[in-house]
PDB file of N, CA and C in Angstrom:
ATOM      1  N   MET A   1     -10.972 -64.696  38.746  1.00  0.00           N
ATOM      2  CA  MET A   1     -12.244 -64.994  38.139  1.00  0.00           C
ATOM      3  C   MET A   1     -12.457 -63.938  37.065  1.00  0.00           C
ATOM      4  N   THR A   2     -12.635 -64.398  35.849  1.00  0.00           N
ATOM      5  CA  THR A   2     -12.823 -63.450  34.762  1.00  0.00           C
ATOM      6  C   THR A   2     -13.824 -64.003  33.766  1.00  0.00           C
ATOM      7  N   GLY A   3     -14.452 -63.111  33.049  1.00  0.00           N
ATOM      8  CA  GLY A   3     -15.376 -63.564  32.025  1.00  0.00           C
ATOM      9  C   GLY A   3     -16.377 -62.511  31.626  1.00  0.00           C
ATOM     10  N   ASP A   4     -17.311 -62.966  30.817  1.00  0.00           N
ATOM     11  CA  ASP A   4     -18.415 -62.140  30.331  1.00  0.00           C
ATOM     12  C   ASP A   4     -19.554 -62.284  31.337  1.00  0.00           C
ATOM     13  N   PHE A   5     -19.759 -61.263  32.169  1.00  0.00           N
ATOM     14  CA  PHE A   5     -20.774 -61.335  33.212  1.00  0.00           C
ATOM     15  C   PHE A   5     -22.128 -60.788  32.752  1.00  0.00           C
ATOM     16  N   ASN A   6     -22.158 -60.166  31.570  1.00  0.00           N
ATOM     17  CA  ASN A   6     -23.406 -59.627  31.011  1.00  0.00           C
ATOM     18  C   ASN A   6     -24.149 -58.710  31.984  1.00  0.00           C
ATOM     19  N   ILE A   7     -23.404 -57.957  32.751  1.00  0.00           N
ATOM     20  CA  ILE A   7     -24.000 -56.987  33.680  1.00  0.00           C
ATOM     21  C   ILE A   7     -23.482 -55.606  33.309  1.00  0.00           C
ATOM     22  N   ARG A   8     -24.383 -54.762  32.851  1.00  0.00           N
ATOM     23  CA  ARG A   8     -23.997 -53.377  32.586  1.00  0.00           C
ATOM     24  C   ARG A   8     -24.170 -52.601  33.879  1.00  0.00           C
ATOM     25  N   ASP A   9     -23.155 -51.829  34.234  1.00  0.00           N
ATOM     26  CA  ASP A   9     -23.213 -51.089  35.491  1.00  0.00           C
ATOM     27  C   ASP A   9     -22.255 -49.910  35.470  1.00  0.00           C
ATOM     28  N   SER A  10     -22.644 -48.852  36.145  1.00  0.00           N
ATOM     29  CA  SER A  10     -21.817 -47.644  36.221  1.00  0.00           C
ATOM     30  C   SER A  10     -20.546 -47.867  37.036  1.00  0.00           C
ATOM     31  N   ASP A  11     -20.477 -48.946  37.828  1.00  0.00           N
ATOM     32  CA  ASP A  11     -19.263 -49.243  38.598  1.00  0.00           C
ATOM     33  C   ASP A  11     -18.069 -49.487  37.695  1.00  0.00           C
ATOM     34  N   TRP A  12     -18.284 -50.084  36.524  1.00  0.00           N
ATOM     35  CA  TRP A  12     -17.173 -50.392  35.624  1.00  0.00           C
ATOM     36  C   TRP A  12     -17.338 -49.814  34.231  1.00  0.00           C
ATOM     37  N   ASP A  13     -18.487 -49.269  33.918  1.00  0.00           N
ATOM     38  CA  ASP A  13     -18.691 -48.624  32.617  1.00  0.00           C
ATOM     39  C   ASP A  13     -19.074 -47.169  32.873  1.00  0.00           C
ATOM     40  N   LEU A  14     -18.120 -46.274  32.729  1.00  0.00           N
ATOM     41  CA  LEU A  14     -18.344 -44.861  33.046  1.00  0.00           C
ATOM     42  C   LEU A  14     -19.371 -44.204  32.130  1.00  0.00           C
ATOM     43  N   LEU A  15     -19.657 -44.821  30.995  1.00  0.00           N
ATOM     44  CA  LEU A  15     -20.642 -44.279  30.057  1.00  0.00           C
ATOM     45  C   LEU A  15     -22.058 -44.764  30.356  1.00  0.00           C
ATOM     46  N   TYR A  16     -22.189 -45.707  31.263  1.00  0.00           N
ATOM     47  CA  TYR A  16     -23.495 -46.273  31.600  1.00  0.00           C
ATOM     48  C   TYR A  16     -23.979 -45.649  32.909  1.00  0.00           C
ATOM     49  N   PRO A  17     -25.145 -45.009  32.915  1.00  0.00           N
ATOM     50  CA  PRO A  17     -25.549 -44.213  34.081  1.00  0.00           C
ATOM     51  C   PRO A  17     -26.270 -44.964  35.197  1.00  0.00           C
ATOM     52  N   TYR A  18     -26.427 -46.277  35.109  1.00  0.00           N
ATOM     53  CA  TYR A  18     -27.268 -46.989  36.071  1.00  0.00           C
ATOM     54  C   TYR A  18     -26.480 -48.016  36.872  1.00  0.00           C
ATOM     55  N   HIS A  19     -27.058 -48.361  38.035  1.00  0.00           N
ATOM     56  CA  HIS A  19     -26.495 -49.400  38.896  1.00  0.00           C
ATOM     57  C   HIS A  19     -27.451 -50.583  38.870  1.00  0.00           C
ATOM     58  N   SER A  20     -26.910 -51.788  38.754  1.00  0.00           N
ATOM     59  CA  SER A  20     -27.722 -53.000  38.674  1.00  0.00           C
ATOM     60  C   SER A  20     -27.725 -53.737  40.005  1.00  0.00           C
ATOM     61  N   ILE A  21     -28.862 -54.314  40.359  1.00  0.00           N
ATOM     62  CA  ILE A  21     -28.955 -55.158  41.554  1.00  0.00           C
ATOM     63  C   ILE A  21     -28.036 -56.370  41.414  1.00  0.00           C
ATOM     64  N   HIS A  22     -27.792 -56.806  40.184  1.00  0.00           N
ATOM     65  CA  HIS A  22     -26.925 -57.961  39.942  1.00  0.00           C
ATOM     66  C   HIS A  22     -25.467 -57.661  40.316  1.00  0.00           C
ATOM     67  N   THR A  23     -25.107 -56.396  40.267  1.00  0.00           N
ATOM     68  CA  THR A  23     -23.753 -55.999  40.660  1.00  0.00           C
ATOM     69  C   THR A  23     -23.507 -56.326  42.123  1.00  0.00           C
ATOM     70  N   ASN A  24     -24.473 -56.041  42.967  1.00  0.00           N
ATOM     71  CA  ASN A  24     -24.334 -56.340  44.394  1.00  0.00           C
ATOM     72  C   ASN A  24     -24.127 -57.835  44.630  1.00  0.00           C
ATOM     73  N   ILE A  25     -24.873 -58.662  43.909  1.00  0.00           N
ATOM     74  CA  ILE A  25     -24.749 -60.114  44.047  1.00  0.00           C
ATOM     75  C   ILE A  25     -23.371 -60.570  43.581  1.00  0.00           C
ATOM     76  N   LEU A  26     -22.924 -60.029  42.455  1.00  0.00           N
ATOM     77  CA  LEU A  26     -21.602 -60.379  41.939  1.00  0.00           C
ATOM     78  C   LEU A  26     -20.501 -59.992  42.927  1.00  0.00           C
ATOM     79  N   HIS A  27     -20.610 -58.819  43.531  1.00  0.00           N
ATOM     80  CA  HIS A  27     -19.617 -58.390  44.524  1.00  0.00           C
ATOM     81  C   HIS A  27     -19.651 -59.309  45.762  1.00  0.00           C
ATOM     82  N   GLU A  28     -20.826 -59.749  46.166  1.00  0.00           N
ATOM     83  CA  GLU A  28     -20.938 -60.666  47.303  1.00  0.00           C
ATOM     84  C   GLU A  28     -20.245 -61.995  47.007  1.00  0.00           C
ATOM     85  N   ILE A  29     -20.446 -62.512  45.799  1.00  0.00           N
ATOM     86  CA  ILE A  29     -19.799 -63.764  45.403  1.00  0.00           C
ATOM     87  C   ILE A  29     -18.282 -63.580  45.394  1.00  0.00           C
ATOM     88  N   ALA A  30     -17.828 -62.481  44.788  1.00  0.00           N
ATOM     89  CA  ALA A  30     -16.385 -62.207  44.739  1.00  0.00           C
ATOM     90  C   ALA A  30     -15.814 -62.072  46.145  1.00  0.00           C
ATOM     91  N   ASP A  31     -16.502 -61.355  47.018  1.00  0.00           N
ATOM     92  CA  ASP A  31     -16.049 -61.203  48.411  1.00  0.00           C
ATOM     93  C   ASP A  31     -15.923 -62.561  49.104  1.00  0.00           C
ATOM     94  N   SER A  32     -16.866 -63.461  48.841  1.00  0.00           N
ATOM     95  CA  SER A  32     -16.826 -64.771  49.479  1.00  0.00           C
ATOM     96  C   SER A  32     -15.620 -65.584  49.017  1.00  0.00           C
ATOM     97  N   LEU A  33     -15.050 -65.232  47.871  1.00  0.00           N
ATOM     98  CA  LEU A  33     -13.865 -65.900  47.337  1.00  0.00           C
ATOM     99  C   LEU A  33     -12.585 -65.097  47.574  1.00  0.00           C
ATOM    100  N   ASN A  34     -12.692 -64.013  48.365  1.00  0.00           N
ATOM    101  CA  ASN A  34     -11.559 -63.122  48.642  1.00  0.00           C
ATOM    102  C   ASN A  34     -11.039 -62.439  47.383  1.00  0.00           C
ATOM    103  N   LEU A  35     -11.947 -62.075  46.493  1.00  0.00           N
ATOM    104  CA  LEU A  35     -11.581 -61.416  45.245  1.00  0.00           C
ATOM    105  C   LEU A  35     -12.154 -60.011  45.209  1.00  0.00           C
ATOM    106  N   GLU A  36     -11.476 -59.138  44.471  1.00  0.00           N
ATOM    107  CA  GLU A  36     -11.959 -57.777  44.275  1.00  0.00           C
ATOM    108  C   GLU A  36     -11.923 -57.458  42.794  1.00  0.00           C
ATOM    109  N   LEU A  37     -12.817 -56.577  42.383  1.00  0.00           N
ATOM    110  CA  LEU A  37     -12.851 -56.143  40.997  1.00  0.00           C
ATOM    111  C   LEU A  37     -11.557 -55.426  40.658  1.00  0.00           C
ATOM    112  N   SER A  38     -10.911 -55.867  39.620  1.00  0.00           N
ATOM    113  CA  SER A  38      -9.688 -55.247  39.137  1.00  0.00           C
ATOM    114  C   SER A  38     -10.037 -54.325  37.977  1.00  0.00           C
ATOM    115  N   MET A  39      -9.326 -53.239  37.861  1.00  0.00           N
ATOM    116  CA  MET A  39      -9.553 -52.312  36.754  1.00  0.00           C
ATOM    117  C   MET A  39      -8.370 -52.407  35.791  1.00  0.00           C
ATOM    118  N   PRO A  40      -8.648 -52.366  34.502  1.00  0.00           N
ATOM    119  CA  PRO A  40      -7.565 -52.498  33.521  1.00  0.00           C
ATOM    120  C   PRO A  40      -6.713 -51.240  33.434  1.00  0.00           C
ATOM    121  N   ILE A  41      -5.531 -51.407  32.851  1.00  0.00           N
ATOM    122  CA  ILE A  41      -4.651 -50.273  32.597  1.00  0.00           C
ATOM    123  C   ILE A  41      -5.315 -49.305  31.628  1.00  0.00           C
ATOM    124  N   ASN A  42      -5.934 -49.861  30.606  1.00  0.00           N
ATOM    125  CA  ASN A  42      -6.609 -49.037  29.600  1.00  0.00           C
ATOM    126  C   ASN A  42      -8.119 -49.175  29.765  1.00  0.00           C
ATOM    127  N   LEU A  43      -8.761 -48.101  30.123  1.00  0.00           N
ATOM    128  CA  LEU A  43     -10.203 -48.116  30.341  1.00  0.00           C
ATOM    129  C   LEU A  43     -10.932 -47.977  29.003  1.00  0.00           C
ATOM    130  N   VAL A  44     -11.182 -49.118  28.378  1.00  0.00           N
ATOM    131  CA  VAL A  44     -11.912 -49.148  27.111  1.00  0.00           C
ATOM    132  C   VAL A  44     -13.051 -50.145  27.230  1.00  0.00           C
ATOM    133  N   LEU A  45     -13.957 -50.084  26.290  1.00  0.00           N
ATOM    134  CA  LEU A  45     -15.089 -50.995  26.286  1.00  0.00           C
ATOM    135  C   LEU A  45     -14.625 -52.411  25.949  1.00  0.00           C
ATOM    136  N   THR A  46     -15.398 -53.407  26.394  1.00  0.00           N
ATOM    137  CA  THR A  46     -15.015 -54.803  26.160  1.00  0.00           C
ATOM    138  C   THR A  46     -15.976 -55.539  25.239  1.00  0.00           C
ATOM    139  N   TRP A  47     -17.159 -54.979  25.008  1.00  0.00           N
ATOM    140  CA  TRP A  47     -18.155 -55.635  24.168  1.00  0.00           C
ATOM    141  C   TRP A  47     -18.610 -54.669  23.082  1.00  0.00           C
ATOM    142  N   TYR A  48     -18.578 -55.152  21.851  1.00  0.00           N
ATOM    143  CA  TYR A  48     -18.904 -54.319  20.690  1.00  0.00           C
ATOM    144  C   TYR A  48     -20.028 -54.973  19.897  1.00  0.00           C
ATOM    145  N   THR A  49     -21.128 -54.279  19.797  1.00  0.00           N
ATOM    146  CA  THR A  49     -22.307 -54.822  19.139  1.00  0.00           C
ATOM    147  C   THR A  49     -22.385 -54.400  17.680  1.00  0.00           C
ATOM    148  N   ASP A  50     -22.993 -55.257  16.876  1.00  0.00           N
ATOM    149  CA  ASP A  50     -23.264 -54.865  15.494  1.00  0.00           C
ATOM    150  C   ASP A  50     -24.730 -54.466  15.321  1.00  0.00           C
ATOM    151  N   ASN A  51     -25.476 -54.468  16.419  1.00  0.00           N
ATOM    152  CA  ASN A  51     -26.867 -54.035  16.404  1.00  0.00           C
ATOM    153  C   ASN A  51     -26.918 -52.540  16.712  1.00  0.00           C
ATOM    154  N   PRO A  52     -27.385 -51.728  15.782  1.00  0.00           N
ATOM    155  CA  PRO A  52     -27.397 -50.273  16.007  1.00  0.00           C
ATOM    156  C   PRO A  52     -28.324 -49.819  17.141  1.00  0.00           C
ATOM    157  N   GLN A  53     -29.201 -50.707  17.615  1.00  0.00           N
ATOM    158  CA  GLN A  53     -30.093 -50.334  18.716  1.00  0.00           C
ATOM    159  C   GLN A  53     -29.455 -50.587  20.086  1.00  0.00           C
ATOM    160  N   ASP A  54     -28.365 -51.317  20.096  1.00  0.00           N
ATOM    161  CA  ASP A  54     -27.617 -51.548  21.335  1.00  0.00           C
ATOM    162  C   ASP A  54     -26.409 -50.627  21.360  1.00  0.00           C
ATOM    163  N   SER A  55     -25.837 -50.454  22.537  1.00  0.00           N
ATOM    164  CA  SER A  55     -24.616 -49.664  22.623  1.00  0.00           C
ATOM    165  C   SER A  55     -23.486 -50.541  23.156  1.00  0.00           C
ATOM    166  N   ASN A  56     -22.284 -50.240  22.711  1.00  0.00           N
ATOM    167  CA  ASN A  56     -21.102 -50.950  23.201  1.00  0.00           C
ATOM    168  C   ASN A  56     -20.993 -50.743  24.701  1.00  0.00           C
ATOM    169  N   SER A  57     -20.334 -51.664  25.380  1.00  0.00           N
ATOM    170  CA  SER A  57     -20.324 -51.591  26.836  1.00  0.00           C
ATOM    171  C   SER A  57     -19.124 -52.333  27.430  1.00  0.00           C
ATOM    172  N   VAL A  58     -19.072 -52.319  28.753  1.00  0.00           N
ATOM    173  CA  VAL A  58     -18.110 -53.102  29.524  1.00  0.00           C
ATOM    174  C   VAL A  58     -18.908 -54.171  30.258  1.00  0.00           C
ATOM    175  N   ILE A  59     -18.770 -55.418  29.823  1.00  0.00           N
ATOM    176  CA  ILE A  59     -19.447 -56.525  30.511  1.00  0.00           C
ATOM    177  C   ILE A  59     -18.477 -57.656  30.826  1.00  0.00           C
ATOM    178  N   ASP A  60     -17.240 -57.531  30.352  1.00  0.00           N
ATOM    179  CA  ASP A  60     -16.205 -58.525  30.627  1.00  0.00           C
ATOM    180  C   ASP A  60     -15.343 -57.986  31.764  1.00  0.00           C
ATOM    181  N   LEU A  61     -15.260 -58.743  32.826  1.00  0.00           N
ATOM    182  CA  LEU A  61     -14.619 -58.254  34.044  1.00  0.00           C
ATOM    183  C   LEU A  61     -13.594 -59.250  34.552  1.00  0.00           C
ATOM    184  N   MET A  62     -12.703 -58.749  35.414  1.00  0.00           N
ATOM    185  CA  MET A  62     -11.712 -59.603  36.045  1.00  0.00           C
ATOM    186  C   MET A  62     -11.690 -59.299  37.543  1.00  0.00           C
ATOM    187  N   PHE A  63     -11.812 -60.355  38.337  1.00  0.00           N
ATOM    188  CA  PHE A  63     -11.716 -60.251  39.788  1.00  0.00           C
ATOM    189  C   PHE A  63     -10.464 -61.001  40.215  1.00  0.00           C
ATOM    190  N   LEU A  64      -9.607 -60.337  40.985  1.00  0.00           N
ATOM    191  CA  LEU A  64      -8.337 -60.914  41.415  1.00  0.00           C
ATOM    192  C   LEU A  64      -8.156 -60.731  42.913  1.00  0.00           C
ATOM    193  N   TYR A  65      -7.214 -61.498  43.482  1.00  0.00           N
ATOM    194  CA  TYR A  65      -6.835 -61.272  44.870  1.00  0.00           C
ATOM    195  C   TYR A  65      -6.185 -59.904  44.975  1.00  0.00           C
ATOM    196  N   ALA A  66      -6.625 -59.114  45.921  1.00  0.00           N
ATOM    197  CA  ALA A  66      -6.169 -57.730  46.038  1.00  0.00           C
ATOM    198  C   ALA A  66      -4.685 -57.615  46.343  1.00  0.00           C
ATOM    199  N   ASP A  67      -4.096 -58.615  46.972  1.00  0.00           N
ATOM    200  CA  ASP A  67      -2.689 -58.492  47.347  1.00  0.00           C
ATOM    201  C   ASP A  67      -1.728 -58.927  46.242  1.00  0.00           C
ATOM    202  N   LEU A  68      -2.220 -59.240  45.069  1.00  0.00           N
ATOM    203  CA  LEU A  68      -1.332 -59.574  43.955  1.00  0.00           C
ATOM    204  C   LEU A  68      -0.668 -58.323  43.402  1.00  0.00           C
ATOM    205  N   GLU A  69       0.596 -58.455  43.005  1.00  0.00           N
ATOM    206  CA  GLU A  69       1.306 -57.335  42.365  1.00  0.00           C
ATOM    207  C   GLU A  69       0.570 -56.869  41.118  1.00  0.00           C
ATOM    208  N   GLN A  70      -0.001 -57.810  40.405  1.00  0.00           N
ATOM    209  CA  GLN A  70      -0.627 -57.530  39.121  1.00  0.00           C
ATOM    210  C   GLN A  70      -2.081 -57.085  39.258  1.00  0.00           C
ATOM    211  N   PHE A  71      -2.530 -56.752  40.453  1.00  0.00           N
ATOM    212  CA  PHE A  71      -3.954 -56.522  40.683  1.00  0.00           C
ATOM    213  C   PHE A  71      -4.581 -55.578  39.665  1.00  0.00           C
ATOM    214  N   ASN A  72      -4.033 -54.414  39.486  1.00  0.00           N
ATOM    215  CA  ASN A  72      -4.584 -53.483  38.504  1.00  0.00           C
ATOM    216  C   ASN A  72      -3.624 -53.334  37.333  1.00  0.00           C
ATOM    217  N   ASN A  73      -3.237 -54.451  36.790  1.00  0.00           N
ATOM    218  CA  ASN A  73      -2.213 -54.423  35.762  1.00  0.00           C
ATOM    219  C   ASN A  73      -2.561 -55.373  34.615  1.00  0.00           C
ATOM    220  N   TYR A  74      -3.805 -55.335  34.176  1.00  0.00           N
ATOM    221  CA  TYR A  74      -4.143 -56.132  33.005  1.00  0.00           C
ATOM    222  C   TYR A  74      -4.620 -55.195  31.907  1.00  0.00           C
ATOM    223  N   GLN A  75      -4.640 -55.725  30.694  1.00  0.00           N
ATOM    224  CA  GLN A  75      -4.993 -54.895  29.545  1.00  0.00           C
ATOM    225  C   GLN A  75      -6.161 -55.500  28.789  1.00  0.00           C
ATOM    226  N   ILE A  76      -6.910 -54.632  28.173  1.00  0.00           N
ATOM    227  CA  ILE A  76      -7.942 -55.061  27.242  1.00  0.00           C
ATOM    228  C   ILE A  76      -7.372 -54.844  25.850  1.00  0.00           C
ATOM    229  N   MET A  77      -7.275 -55.920  25.105  1.00  0.00           N
ATOM    230  CA  MET A  77      -6.675 -55.881  23.772  1.00  0.00           C
ATOM    231  C   MET A  77      -7.766 -55.515  22.759  1.00  0.00           C
ATOM    232  N   LEU A  78      -8.037 -54.248  22.674  1.00  0.00           N
ATOM    233  CA  LEU A  78      -9.121 -53.738  21.845  1.00  0.00           C
ATOM    234  C   LEU A  78      -9.005 -54.174  20.389  1.00  0.00           C
ATOM    235  N   GLU A  79      -7.791 -54.217  19.879  1.00  0.00           N
ATOM    236  CA  GLU A  79      -7.580 -54.566  18.473  1.00  0.00           C
ATOM    237  C   GLU A  79      -7.885 -56.037  18.177  1.00  0.00           C
ATOM    238  N   LEU A  80      -8.103 -56.848  19.204  1.00  0.00           N
ATOM    239  CA  LEU A  80      -8.323 -58.277  19.013  1.00  0.00           C
ATOM    240  C   LEU A  80      -9.771 -58.703  19.270  1.00  0.00           C
ATOM    241  N   TYR A  81     -10.746 -57.839  19.028  1.00  0.00           N
ATOM    242  CA  TYR A  81     -12.120 -58.251  19.283  1.00  0.00           C
ATOM    243  C   TYR A  81     -12.785 -58.900  18.080  1.00  0.00           C
ATOM    244  N   SER A  82     -12.192 -58.843  16.926  1.00  0.00           N
ATOM    245  CA  SER A  82     -12.781 -59.474  15.755  1.00  0.00           C
ATOM    246  C   SER A  82     -12.183 -60.861  15.597  1.00  0.00           C
ATOM    247  N   PRO A  83     -12.916 -61.883  15.269  1.00  0.00           N
ATOM    248  CA  PRO A  83     -14.301 -61.948  14.821  1.00  0.00           C
ATOM    249  C   PRO A  83     -15.308 -62.001  15.962  1.00  0.00           C
ATOM    250  N   SER A  84     -14.850 -62.095  17.193  1.00  0.00           N
ATOM    251  CA  SER A  84     -15.763 -62.070  18.331  1.00  0.00           C
ATOM    252  C   SER A  84     -16.268 -60.649  18.541  1.00  0.00           C
ATOM    253  N   ASP A  85     -17.311 -60.497  19.328  1.00  0.00           N
ATOM    254  CA  ASP A  85     -17.785 -59.163  19.677  1.00  0.00           C
ATOM    255  C   ASP A  85     -17.253 -58.722  21.040  1.00  0.00           C
ATOM    256  N   HIS A  86     -16.310 -59.492  21.586  1.00  0.00           N
ATOM    257  CA  HIS A  86     -15.677 -59.160  22.863  1.00  0.00           C
ATOM    258  C   HIS A  86     -14.187 -58.930  22.663  1.00  0.00           C
ATOM    259  N   ALA A  87     -13.666 -57.904  23.314  1.00  0.00           N
ATOM    260  CA  ALA A  87     -12.228 -57.658  23.292  1.00  0.00           C
ATOM    261  C   ALA A  87     -11.532 -58.669  24.202  1.00  0.00           C
ATOM    262  N   LEU A  88     -10.326 -59.011  23.866  1.00  0.00           N
ATOM    263  CA  LEU A  88      -9.540 -59.969  24.642  1.00  0.00           C
ATOM    264  C   LEU A  88      -9.016 -59.302  25.913  1.00  0.00           C
ATOM    265  N   ILE A  89      -9.153 -59.979  27.039  1.00  0.00           N
ATOM    266  CA  ILE A  89      -8.588 -59.513  28.305  1.00  0.00           C
ATOM    267  C   ILE A  89      -7.271 -60.251  28.509  1.00  0.00           C
ATOM    268  N   PHE A  90      -6.214 -59.493  28.765  1.00  0.00           N
ATOM    269  CA  PHE A  90      -4.875 -60.075  28.860  1.00  0.00           C
ATOM    270  C   PHE A  90      -4.243 -59.696  30.188  1.00  0.00           C
ATOM    271  N   VAL A  91      -3.831 -60.705  30.943  1.00  0.00           N
ATOM    272  CA  VAL A  91      -3.115 -60.465  32.190  1.00  0.00           C
ATOM    273  C   VAL A  91      -1.881 -61.368  32.200  1.00  0.00           C
ATOM    274  N   SER A  92      -0.795 -60.829  32.672  1.00  0.00           N
ATOM    275  CA  SER A  92       0.437 -61.590  32.808  1.00  0.00           C
ATOM    276  C   SER A  92       0.691 -61.760  34.299  1.00  0.00           C
ATOM    277  N   VAL A  93       0.737 -63.002  34.739  1.00  0.00           N
ATOM    278  CA  VAL A  93       0.934 -63.287  36.157  1.00  0.00           C
ATOM    279  C   VAL A  93       2.308 -63.927  36.338  1.00  0.00           C
ATOM    280  N   THR A  94       3.124 -63.318  37.158  1.00  0.00           N
ATOM    281  CA  THR A  94       4.452 -63.848  37.450  1.00  0.00           C
ATOM    282  C   THR A  94       4.321 -64.960  38.481  1.00  0.00           C
ATOM    283  N   ILE A  95       4.931 -66.090  38.171  1.00  0.00           N
ATOM    284  CA  ILE A  95       4.937 -67.198  39.114  1.00  0.00           C
ATOM    285  C   ILE A  95       6.317 -67.250  39.745  1.00  0.00           C
ATOM    286  N   LYS A  96       6.344 -67.014  41.028  1.00  0.00           N
ATOM    287  CA  LYS A  96       7.623 -67.024  41.750  1.00  0.00           C
ATOM    288  C   LYS A  96       7.940 -68.436  42.194  1.00  0.00           C
ATOM    289  N   GLU A  97       9.202 -68.779  42.180  1.00  0.00           N
ATOM    290  CA  GLU A  97       9.649 -70.120  42.495  1.00  0.00           C
ATOM    291  C   GLU A  97       9.140 -70.579  43.865  1.00  0.00           C
ATOM    292  N   GLU A  98       9.033 -69.671  44.814  1.00  0.00           N
ATOM    293  CA  GLU A  98       8.615 -70.043  46.155  1.00  0.00           C
ATOM    294  C   GLU A  98       7.168 -70.521  46.205  1.00  0.00           C
ATOM    295  N   TYR A  99       6.365 -70.233  45.167  1.00  0.00           N
ATOM    296  CA  TYR A  99       4.974 -70.648  45.135  1.00  0.00           C
ATOM    297  C   TYR A  99       4.744 -71.923  44.337  1.00  0.00           C
ATOM    298  N   ILE A 100       5.798 -72.430  43.711  1.00  0.00           N
ATOM    299  CA  ILE A 100       5.633 -73.632  42.885  1.00  0.00           C
ATOM    300  C   ILE A 100       5.670 -74.863  43.765  1.00  0.00           C
TER     301      ILE A 100
END
């Protein structure tokens, strides 16, 4: 499960000092699906604003099954956020023949 969750939180944005009640709800939903928050290889921001009154942040997240080899092995493609204001999240998942 991945996407723009529009939740700023200190759990995934080290520059943001607050915890959101919405984070708890999101974790409950992920838990109900047997998913856990995955952290990228490169800890960079995922959302870049052109409004000087807002600050860039991490609001794009990926939740994966914890037992996957690739669990903490995805990248945020920072150089690919234009023309969007979100950086591209890239994960490579190996499909083994036994699972096809």
